[in-house]
Protein backbone atom coordinates (compact mmCIF):
# COMPACT_ATOMS: atom_id res chain seq x y z
CA MET A 1 219.00 151.28 232.73
CA GLU A 2 221.96 148.64 232.09
CA LYS A 3 220.95 147.94 228.41
CA MET A 4 219.94 151.57 227.77
CA ILE A 5 223.40 152.76 228.71
CA LYS A 6 225.68 149.85 227.27
CA ASN A 7 223.78 150.27 223.77
CA ALA A 8 224.30 154.02 223.53
CA LEU A 9 228.18 153.43 224.71
CA LYS A 10 228.66 151.51 221.47
CA LEU A 11 228.43 154.71 219.51
CA ALA A 12 231.29 156.09 221.48
CA LYS A 13 233.87 157.31 219.08
CA ALA A 14 236.75 157.82 221.63
CA ASP A 15 239.57 155.98 223.21
CA TYR A 16 237.63 155.48 226.33
CA ALA A 17 234.03 156.38 227.72
CA GLU A 18 231.96 156.15 230.60
CA VAL A 19 228.63 156.96 232.04
CA ARG A 20 227.44 157.74 235.39
CA VAL A 21 223.61 157.96 236.34
CA HIS A 22 222.96 159.21 239.67
CA GLU A 23 219.52 158.79 241.39
CA GLY A 24 218.81 159.93 245.23
CA VAL A 25 216.61 161.18 247.47
CA SER A 26 217.41 163.22 250.75
CA THR A 27 216.25 165.02 253.80
CA GLY A 28 217.38 168.09 255.66
CA ILE A 29 216.72 169.83 258.68
CA THR A 30 218.39 172.76 260.68
CA TYR A 31 217.66 174.80 263.40
CA VAL A 32 219.41 178.23 264.35
CA GLY A 33 218.67 179.24 267.66
CA LYS A 34 215.33 178.70 268.54
CA GLU A 35 214.04 178.80 264.68
CA LEU A 36 213.51 176.01 262.71
CA GLU A 37 215.49 177.69 259.73
CA GLY A 38 214.81 174.84 257.12
CA ILE A 39 213.05 171.54 256.49
CA GLY A 40 212.38 169.31 253.25
CA GLU A 41 212.83 166.31 251.24
CA LYS A 42 214.01 166.23 247.65
CA SER A 43 214.89 164.14 244.99
CA SER A 44 217.52 164.12 242.23
CA PHE A 45 217.96 162.52 238.72
CA GLY A 46 220.93 162.93 236.56
CA GLY A 47 224.10 161.75 234.74
CA CYS A 48 227.01 162.41 232.97
CA VAL A 49 229.27 161.49 230.01
CA ARG A 50 233.01 161.13 230.27
CA ALA A 51 235.05 160.57 226.63
CA LEU A 52 238.77 160.44 226.27
CA VAL A 53 240.20 161.20 222.62
CA ASN A 54 244.15 161.51 222.35
CA GLY A 55 244.53 162.43 225.86
CA GLY A 56 241.62 164.92 225.81
CA TRP A 57 238.71 165.02 228.13
CA GLY A 58 235.25 165.67 227.07
CA PHE A 59 232.33 166.05 229.55
CA VAL A 60 228.81 166.40 229.41
CA ALA A 61 226.24 166.23 232.48
CA PHE A 62 222.51 165.73 231.80
CA ASN A 63 219.03 165.24 233.42
CA ASP A 64 217.41 163.55 230.77
CA ILE A 65 218.82 160.34 229.90
CA GLU A 66 216.72 159.35 226.71
CA HIS A 67 219.05 161.67 224.70
CA LEU A 68 221.72 159.79 225.94
CA PRO A 69 223.49 159.24 222.63
CA LYS A 70 223.34 162.65 221.53
CA TYR A 71 225.13 163.38 225.06
CA ILE A 72 227.94 160.64 224.28
CA GLU A 73 228.78 162.40 220.86
CA MET A 74 228.92 165.73 222.21
CA ALA A 75 231.41 164.58 225.01
CA CYS A 76 233.29 162.63 222.13
CA GLU A 77 233.40 166.16 219.99
CA GLN A 78 234.74 167.94 222.74
CA ALA A 79 237.44 165.39 223.54
CA LYS A 80 238.76 165.93 220.17
CA PHE A 81 239.02 169.62 220.51
CA VAL A 82 241.45 169.17 223.17
CA GLY A 83 243.25 165.98 222.54
CA LYS A 84 246.61 166.54 221.49
CA ASN A 85 248.76 163.40 223.18
CA LYS A 86 248.15 159.83 223.62
CA SER A 87 245.32 158.55 225.87
CA GLN A 88 246.60 156.97 229.18
CA LEU A 89 244.43 155.04 231.60
CA SER A 90 246.11 152.46 233.87
CA PRO A 91 244.37 149.19 233.35
CA ILE A 92 241.37 148.06 235.99
CA PRO A 93 239.49 144.69 235.73
CA ILE A 94 236.11 144.75 233.71
CA LEU A 95 233.19 144.24 236.55
CA ASN A 96 229.61 143.46 236.81
CA ASP A 97 228.42 144.33 240.10
CA HIS A 98 225.31 145.45 242.22
CA THR A 99 226.10 146.54 245.78
CA LYS A 100 223.27 146.76 248.15
CA THR A 101 223.40 148.66 251.37
CA THR A 102 221.59 147.52 254.41
CA VAL A 103 221.20 149.16 257.93
CA VAL A 104 219.79 147.98 260.99
CA ASN A 105 217.39 151.44 261.01
CA ASP A 106 216.76 152.60 257.39
CA PRO A 107 216.21 156.51 257.75
CA ALA A 108 213.85 156.32 254.80
CA GLU A 109 211.45 154.65 257.48
CA ILE A 110 211.33 157.19 259.76
CA SER A 111 208.71 160.26 259.27
CA LEU A 112 209.84 163.66 258.56
CA LYS A 113 207.95 164.52 261.82
CA GLU A 114 210.16 162.23 264.00
CA LYS A 115 213.26 163.39 262.52
CA GLN A 116 212.13 166.95 263.06
CA SER A 117 211.02 166.30 266.67
CA LEU A 118 214.60 164.54 267.18
CA CYS A 119 216.30 167.83 266.35
CA ASP A 120 214.02 170.18 268.09
CA LYS A 121 214.72 168.23 271.22
CA TYR A 122 218.70 168.44 270.62
CA ASN A 123 218.45 171.99 270.07
CA THR A 124 216.27 172.56 273.24
CA ILE A 125 218.96 171.11 275.41
CA ILE A 126 221.60 172.75 273.96
CA LEU A 127 219.74 176.36 274.61
CA SER A 128 218.85 175.37 278.30
CA SER A 129 221.72 176.75 279.31
CA LYS A 130 221.80 179.98 280.55
CA GLN A 131 224.77 181.42 278.94
CA ILE A 132 224.05 179.78 275.50
CA GLN A 133 223.78 182.57 273.24
CA THR A 134 222.54 180.56 270.22
CA SER A 135 222.86 177.09 268.65
CA ASN A 136 222.86 175.28 265.44
CA VAL A 137 221.53 171.77 264.57
CA ARG A 138 221.49 170.21 261.11
CA TYR A 139 220.40 166.97 259.99
CA LEU A 140 220.88 165.40 257.07
CA ASP A 141 220.18 161.81 255.36
CA SER A 142 220.46 160.73 251.62
CA HIS A 143 219.70 157.54 249.70
CA GLY A 144 221.45 157.34 246.90
CA THR A 145 222.46 154.90 243.51
CA VAL A 146 224.82 155.22 241.19
CA PHE A 147 224.88 153.44 237.91
CA PHE A 148 228.28 153.06 236.14
CA ALA A 149 229.51 151.63 232.94
CA ASN A 150 232.02 152.18 230.30
CA THR A 151 233.53 151.15 226.95
CA GLU A 152 235.58 148.28 228.35
CA GLY A 153 232.79 146.32 229.54
CA SER A 154 232.13 147.12 233.19
CA PHE A 155 228.41 147.78 234.55
CA ILE A 156 228.38 148.63 238.38
CA VAL A 157 225.52 149.74 240.69
CA GLN A 158 226.30 151.26 243.90
CA GLU A 159 223.79 151.93 246.53
CA THR A 160 224.53 154.29 249.76
CA ILE A 161 222.56 155.20 252.79
CA PHE A 162 224.06 158.65 254.61
CA CYS A 163 222.72 159.62 257.98
CA GLY A 164 224.19 162.57 260.07
CA ILE A 165 223.66 165.36 262.65
CA SER A 166 225.73 168.31 263.95
CA LEU A 167 225.58 170.09 266.89
CA LEU A 168 226.98 173.29 267.80
CA ALA A 169 226.73 175.90 270.75
CA MET A 170 227.73 179.36 270.99
CA ALA A 171 228.30 180.98 274.67
CA ARG A 172 228.66 184.48 275.22
CA ASP A 173 229.99 186.70 278.15
CA GLY A 174 230.12 190.50 277.22
CA MET A 175 232.52 190.48 273.95
CA ASN A 176 233.97 186.99 274.91
CA VAL A 177 232.27 184.49 272.21
CA GLN A 178 233.18 180.76 272.10
CA GLN A 179 231.69 178.02 270.48
CA ALA A 180 231.77 173.81 270.66
CA TYR A 181 230.78 171.31 268.07
CA HIS A 182 229.76 167.73 267.34
CA SER A 183 229.24 165.78 264.55
CA VAL A 184 228.52 162.39 263.26
CA GLY A 185 227.74 160.80 259.85
CA ASP A 186 228.13 157.83 258.02
CA LEU A 187 226.78 154.82 256.51
CA ARG A 188 225.34 153.08 259.44
CA GLY A 189 221.76 154.36 259.64
CA TYR A 190 219.37 156.33 261.73
CA ASN A 191 220.70 154.81 265.00
CA ASN A 192 223.70 157.11 264.46
CA VAL A 193 222.02 160.08 265.47
CA LEU A 194 219.72 158.61 268.58
CA LYS A 195 220.34 159.01 271.94
CA MET A 196 222.75 162.12 271.45
CA GLU A 197 221.37 163.99 274.67
CA GLN A 198 224.24 163.41 276.65
CA GLU A 199 226.36 164.65 273.64
CA CYS A 200 224.14 168.03 273.43
CA GLU A 201 224.53 168.51 277.08
CA LYS A 202 228.28 168.28 276.64
CA VAL A 203 228.50 170.54 273.48
CA ALA A 204 226.95 173.36 275.51
CA LYS A 205 229.06 172.80 278.80
CA ARG A 206 232.39 172.96 276.48
CA ALA A 207 231.10 176.23 275.15
CA VAL A 208 230.27 177.80 278.52
CA ASP A 209 233.36 176.55 279.78
CA GLN A 210 235.34 178.06 277.19
CA LEU A 211 234.38 181.23 278.43
CA SER A 212 236.59 181.17 281.46
CA ALA A 213 239.72 179.77 279.90
CA LYS A 214 242.66 182.19 279.38
CA PRO A 215 244.61 182.70 276.40
CA VAL A 216 247.48 180.50 276.12
CA ASN A 217 250.90 182.02 275.92
CA GLY A 218 252.34 181.46 272.50
CA GLY A 219 255.75 179.65 271.89
CA LYS A 220 257.29 175.97 271.45
CA TYR A 221 255.45 173.36 273.45
CA THR A 222 255.12 169.41 273.42
CA VAL A 223 251.81 168.84 272.51
CA ILE A 224 249.43 165.82 272.52
CA ILE A 225 246.46 165.52 270.32
CA ASP A 226 243.51 163.89 270.36
CA PRO A 227 242.12 161.63 267.98
CA LYS A 228 239.91 164.02 266.29
CA LEU A 229 242.61 166.23 266.11
CA CYS A 230 244.96 163.80 264.56
CA GLY A 231 242.58 162.95 261.93
CA VAL A 232 242.39 166.35 261.01
CA PHE A 233 245.92 166.67 260.59
CA VAL A 234 246.51 163.68 258.81
CA HIS A 235 243.70 164.68 256.54
CA GLU A 236 244.66 168.36 255.83
CA ALA A 237 248.08 168.34 255.95
CA PHE A 238 249.08 165.17 254.82
CA GLY A 239 246.62 163.65 252.82
CA HIS A 240 246.09 166.41 250.23
CA LEU A 241 249.77 166.31 249.45
CA SER A 242 249.34 162.53 248.93
CA GLU A 243 246.70 163.02 246.08
CA ALA A 244 248.51 162.36 242.72
CA ASP A 245 246.80 164.77 240.88
CA PHE A 246 248.16 167.29 242.80
CA VAL A 247 251.65 165.87 243.14
CA TYR A 248 251.85 165.48 239.24
CA GLU A 249 251.15 169.09 238.77
CA ASN A 250 253.63 170.46 240.92
CA ALA A 251 257.11 170.16 240.49
CA GLN A 252 258.49 171.38 243.78
CA LEU A 253 255.81 168.51 245.45
CA ARG A 254 257.48 166.03 243.50
CA GLU A 255 261.05 166.86 244.57
CA ILE A 256 259.66 166.57 248.28
CA MET A 257 257.09 163.38 247.90
CA VAL A 258 259.73 160.81 246.82
CA LEU A 259 258.82 157.37 247.24
CA GLY A 260 261.10 155.74 249.75
CA LYS A 261 261.88 158.73 251.68
CA ARG A 262 261.55 158.68 255.05
CA PHE A 263 259.08 161.03 256.59
CA GLY A 264 258.74 159.58 260.69
CA SER A 265 259.85 157.08 262.98
CA ASP A 266 259.44 153.25 262.40
CA ALA A 267 255.91 153.62 264.36
CA LEU A 268 254.43 155.89 261.96
CA SER A 269 251.90 154.64 259.43
CA ILE A 270 249.33 156.67 257.72
CA VAL A 271 246.67 154.92 255.61
CA ASP A 272 243.78 155.68 253.44
CA ASP A 273 241.21 152.91 253.06
CA GLY A 274 238.13 152.73 251.40
CA THR A 275 236.97 149.35 251.91
CA LEU A 276 235.82 150.40 255.86
CA VAL A 277 232.11 149.35 255.53
CA GLY A 278 229.99 151.62 257.55
CA GLU A 279 232.48 154.58 257.68
CA ALA A 280 231.61 157.89 255.82
CA GLY A 281 234.13 157.25 253.09
CA TYR A 282 233.27 153.68 252.34
CA ASN A 283 232.65 152.51 248.62
CA LYS A 284 233.25 149.13 247.28
CA TYR A 285 234.29 151.37 244.02
CA ASP A 286 235.37 154.64 243.06
CA SER A 287 233.70 156.90 240.44
CA GLU A 288 235.69 155.22 237.56
CA GLY A 289 234.80 151.82 238.60
CA THR A 290 238.06 150.81 240.15
CA PRO A 291 237.95 148.90 243.50
CA THR A 292 238.70 150.59 246.38
CA GLN A 293 241.57 149.40 248.90
CA LYS A 294 243.56 149.93 251.55
CA THR A 295 246.61 152.17 250.58
CA TYR A 296 249.66 152.58 252.91
CA LEU A 297 250.74 156.43 252.26
CA ILE A 298 253.57 156.19 254.79
CA LYS A 299 254.36 152.67 256.23
CA ASN A 300 256.74 152.48 258.99
CA GLY A 301 258.15 155.94 258.38
CA ILE A 302 258.83 155.45 254.72
CA LEU A 303 256.59 157.23 252.00
CA THR A 304 254.73 153.90 250.41
CA ASN A 305 252.18 155.18 247.80
CA ARG A 306 250.11 157.67 246.76
CA LEU A 307 246.40 158.09 246.04
CA HIS A 308 245.44 157.63 242.30
CA SER A 309 242.67 157.75 239.73
CA ARG A 310 243.51 155.62 236.27
CA GLU A 311 245.01 158.52 234.30
CA THR A 312 247.45 159.76 237.48
CA ALA A 313 248.38 156.18 237.93
CA ALA A 314 249.60 155.47 234.37
CA LYS A 315 251.11 158.82 233.87
CA MET A 316 253.30 158.39 237.10
CA ASN A 317 253.98 154.42 236.22
CA GLU A 318 252.29 153.53 239.57
CA LYS A 319 249.23 151.52 240.13
CA PRO A 320 245.35 152.98 240.46
CA THR A 321 244.25 152.92 244.02
CA GLY A 322 240.69 153.34 243.73
CA ASN A 323 240.57 157.01 245.07
CA ALA A 324 239.03 158.78 241.63
CA ARG A 325 235.74 160.23 243.44
CA ALA A 326 232.91 162.67 241.80
CA ILE A 327 230.61 164.50 244.32
CA SER A 328 227.78 164.26 241.90
CA TYR A 329 226.81 163.60 238.68
CA GLY A 330 227.70 167.25 237.27
CA ASN A 331 231.27 166.71 238.30
CA GLU A 332 234.36 164.71 236.67
CA PRO A 333 235.98 162.26 239.18
CA ILE A 334 239.26 164.08 240.71
CA VAL A 335 241.93 162.16 243.15
CA ARG A 336 240.32 162.21 246.78
CA MET A 337 240.77 160.53 250.09
CA THR A 338 238.10 158.09 251.57
CA ASN A 339 238.82 156.80 255.09
CA THR A 340 242.08 158.37 256.41
CA PHE A 341 244.12 157.74 259.75
CA MET A 342 246.86 157.25 261.54
CA GLU A 343 247.56 153.65 262.32
CA PRO A 344 247.62 153.27 266.45
CA ARG A 345 250.80 152.06 268.07
CA ASN A 346 251.16 150.82 271.94
CA ASP A 347 251.63 154.06 273.83
CA THR A 348 248.52 154.78 276.45
CA PHE A 349 247.46 158.39 277.31
CA GLU A 350 248.35 158.49 280.53
CA LYS A 351 251.77 157.19 279.53
CA MET A 352 252.50 160.02 276.92
CA LEU A 353 250.78 162.45 279.57
CA SER A 354 253.20 161.13 282.66
CA GLU A 355 256.35 161.74 280.62
CA VAL A 356 255.36 165.83 279.70
CA ASP A 357 256.33 168.43 282.13
CA ASP A 358 255.22 171.51 280.21
CA GLY A 359 252.95 171.29 277.51
CA ILE A 360 249.38 171.40 275.96
CA TYR A 361 246.94 168.85 275.54
CA ALA A 362 244.75 169.92 272.03
CA ILE A 363 241.34 168.39 271.50
CA GLY A 364 239.70 168.77 268.15
CA ALA A 365 239.62 171.18 265.43
CA LEU A 366 237.43 174.11 264.54
CA GLY A 367 239.31 174.91 261.47
CA GLY A 368 242.57 175.40 259.92
CA GLN A 369 244.10 175.87 256.57
CA THR A 370 247.32 174.44 254.47
CA ASN A 371 249.44 175.93 251.75
CA MET A 372 251.60 173.33 250.61
CA GLU A 373 253.75 171.47 253.49
CA MET A 374 252.69 174.35 255.95
CA PHE A 375 249.55 174.06 257.85
CA THR A 376 247.50 176.48 260.47
CA PHE A 377 245.02 174.33 263.09
CA SER A 378 242.65 175.76 265.52
CA ALA A 379 242.02 173.28 268.36
CA GLU A 380 238.58 173.35 269.84
CA GLU A 381 239.84 173.12 273.26
CA ALA A 382 242.87 172.60 275.15
CA TYR A 383 244.53 171.90 278.77
CA MET A 384 247.99 173.29 279.76
CA ILE A 385 249.88 169.86 281.12
CA ARG A 386 252.56 170.55 283.95
CA ASN A 387 254.56 167.67 285.58
CA GLY A 388 252.35 165.02 283.89
CA GLN A 389 249.00 166.42 284.66
CA LEU A 390 246.37 168.12 282.76
CA LYS A 391 246.00 171.63 284.47
CA GLU A 392 243.84 174.81 283.46
CA ARG A 393 241.68 175.20 280.42
CA VAL A 394 243.39 177.56 277.72
CA ARG A 395 241.83 178.91 274.52
CA ASP A 396 242.99 180.32 271.19
CA VAL A 397 245.45 177.24 270.49
CA VAL A 398 246.79 177.43 267.15
CA LEU A 399 249.07 174.77 266.04
CA THR A 400 251.62 176.07 263.02
CA GLY A 401 254.18 174.48 261.48
CA ASN A 402 255.38 172.45 258.73
CA VAL A 403 253.86 169.03 258.10
CA PHE A 404 257.08 166.90 257.26
CA GLU A 405 259.11 168.19 260.56
CA THR A 406 256.10 167.64 262.57
CA LEU A 407 255.56 163.94 261.53
CA MET A 408 259.32 163.80 262.31
CA ASN A 409 258.81 165.23 265.77
CA ILE A 410 256.47 162.67 266.59
CA ASP A 411 257.73 160.53 269.44
CA ALA A 412 254.53 158.58 270.84
CA ILE A 413 251.59 156.99 269.25
CA GLY A 414 248.75 155.89 271.09
CA ASN A 415 246.80 152.59 271.09
CA ASP A 416 243.35 154.25 271.10
CA LEU A 417 242.26 154.62 267.09
CA GLU A 418 239.10 156.52 266.63
CA ILE A 419 237.67 157.15 263.40
CA TYR A 420 235.31 159.90 262.39
CA GLY A 421 232.74 160.81 259.82
CA GLY A 422 230.41 163.98 260.50
CA MET A 423 228.44 166.49 258.27
CA GLY A 424 231.45 168.74 257.13
CA GLY A 425 233.23 166.34 254.37
CA CYS A 426 235.83 167.75 252.45
CA GLY A 427 236.50 170.23 249.61
CA LYS A 428 238.59 170.31 246.53
CA GLY A 429 238.21 171.68 243.11
CA GLY A 430 234.88 172.82 243.82
CA GLN A 431 233.42 169.92 244.93
CA SER A 432 232.29 169.96 248.42
CA PRO A 433 231.08 168.37 250.79
CA LEU A 434 232.53 164.77 249.86
CA ARG A 435 231.92 162.11 252.42
CA VAL A 436 234.75 161.09 254.06
CA SER A 437 236.12 159.68 257.82
CA ASP A 438 239.66 160.61 259.19
CA GLY A 439 241.22 159.70 262.38
CA GLY A 440 244.04 158.20 264.52
CA PRO A 441 245.05 158.08 268.24
CA HIS A 442 246.19 160.34 270.84
CA VAL A 443 249.57 161.40 269.32
CA ARG A 444 252.32 163.55 271.29
CA ILE A 445 254.69 165.94 269.03
CA ARG A 446 257.92 167.94 269.84
CA ASN A 447 258.66 171.27 269.11
CA VAL A 448 255.00 172.21 268.12
CA VAL A 449 254.51 176.12 267.60
CA ILE A 450 251.61 177.43 269.38
CA GLY A 451 250.01 180.75 268.63
CA GLY A 452 248.61 182.72 271.42
CA ARG A 453 248.05 186.24 272.96
């Protein structure tokens, strides 16, 4: 493979060219209600060529590597058609490396029947509650190897093993329908999905308990968000604004996202770290062969960095961060997050809670959307806080606001960092789901607008 790719790249008539070849196998199992909706194993093989000529990119995807020289020629010809400026790529080291993944319990060594039996057991537990109307249990594992080479002389082989499962319960009482969800997924192997019987029971119980929750009264509250919702907020509301391709192409955002600007108190630090071995967003190298790293987006309240590909780093006169990622061989690398989280500080959840007279404790996220700096997130479950204590359960809790104002309104950051992977992944530019992790500690925020009935 190495010799074939390197010989073909010698034919590239371009300022720069690279080849990625992906091969892999995966297993998927899905239960919906009592029915086994899908089960199967599949393998895939394919690759792509990307060429840069006078600032213009050409891209060709393929499934038959024996015609690689032809595809390199095609990509170079495409690039010539669109190239009109100087090619800009930030320099990176020339690397030759083969990274192998080892896990304690490899899902490839587990039979399809055993995986199906596990999913069936979890699904049966969820459906055993009388008020559960339906369920969804989805299992996925994948083994992938990516070969990367470029005209600068790098040749990198990366192997990954992903394994995860998602559990959903939907409860109903007349017209009142509520749901609860739990998901795990990362690069730690098959043990990741074992011994989840209690989680199945919890998911079913949460969905049923939500039926008796009263709709929250809308207004402004002091809100404590749990580590999972903190991670979703950091990723969706702030992380995407830190992706340099988005910043570079948006004049309004460039005026806002000025390095050195204060975005929060000295206690606030937000990190993207692709080097966290085992987490869902881990890679030793990104899809351009750039080593991943720990990047402080906000450090001690100050906007410090943004996430880059080689091209955005060169155009913005900054350093590459190893965040150019492609979801498959059929896609070009774009700037993406890896493992993004808010760093913990010294406050305890109990102390945060004790200092709130009238507020809301919001847990998890069912969904949300962002538009530039504005965000809307729906909490999976929530409780009222009265005189420093958790009280009645409430539902329909929707957090809305401006991300920059919200960051400035954080007045307590917990000591209980948690990072979550999962089956959902991240979507951007038509590439979804990309494996990522996000997280943080418990965080207290003043003056949060809560939409309710």
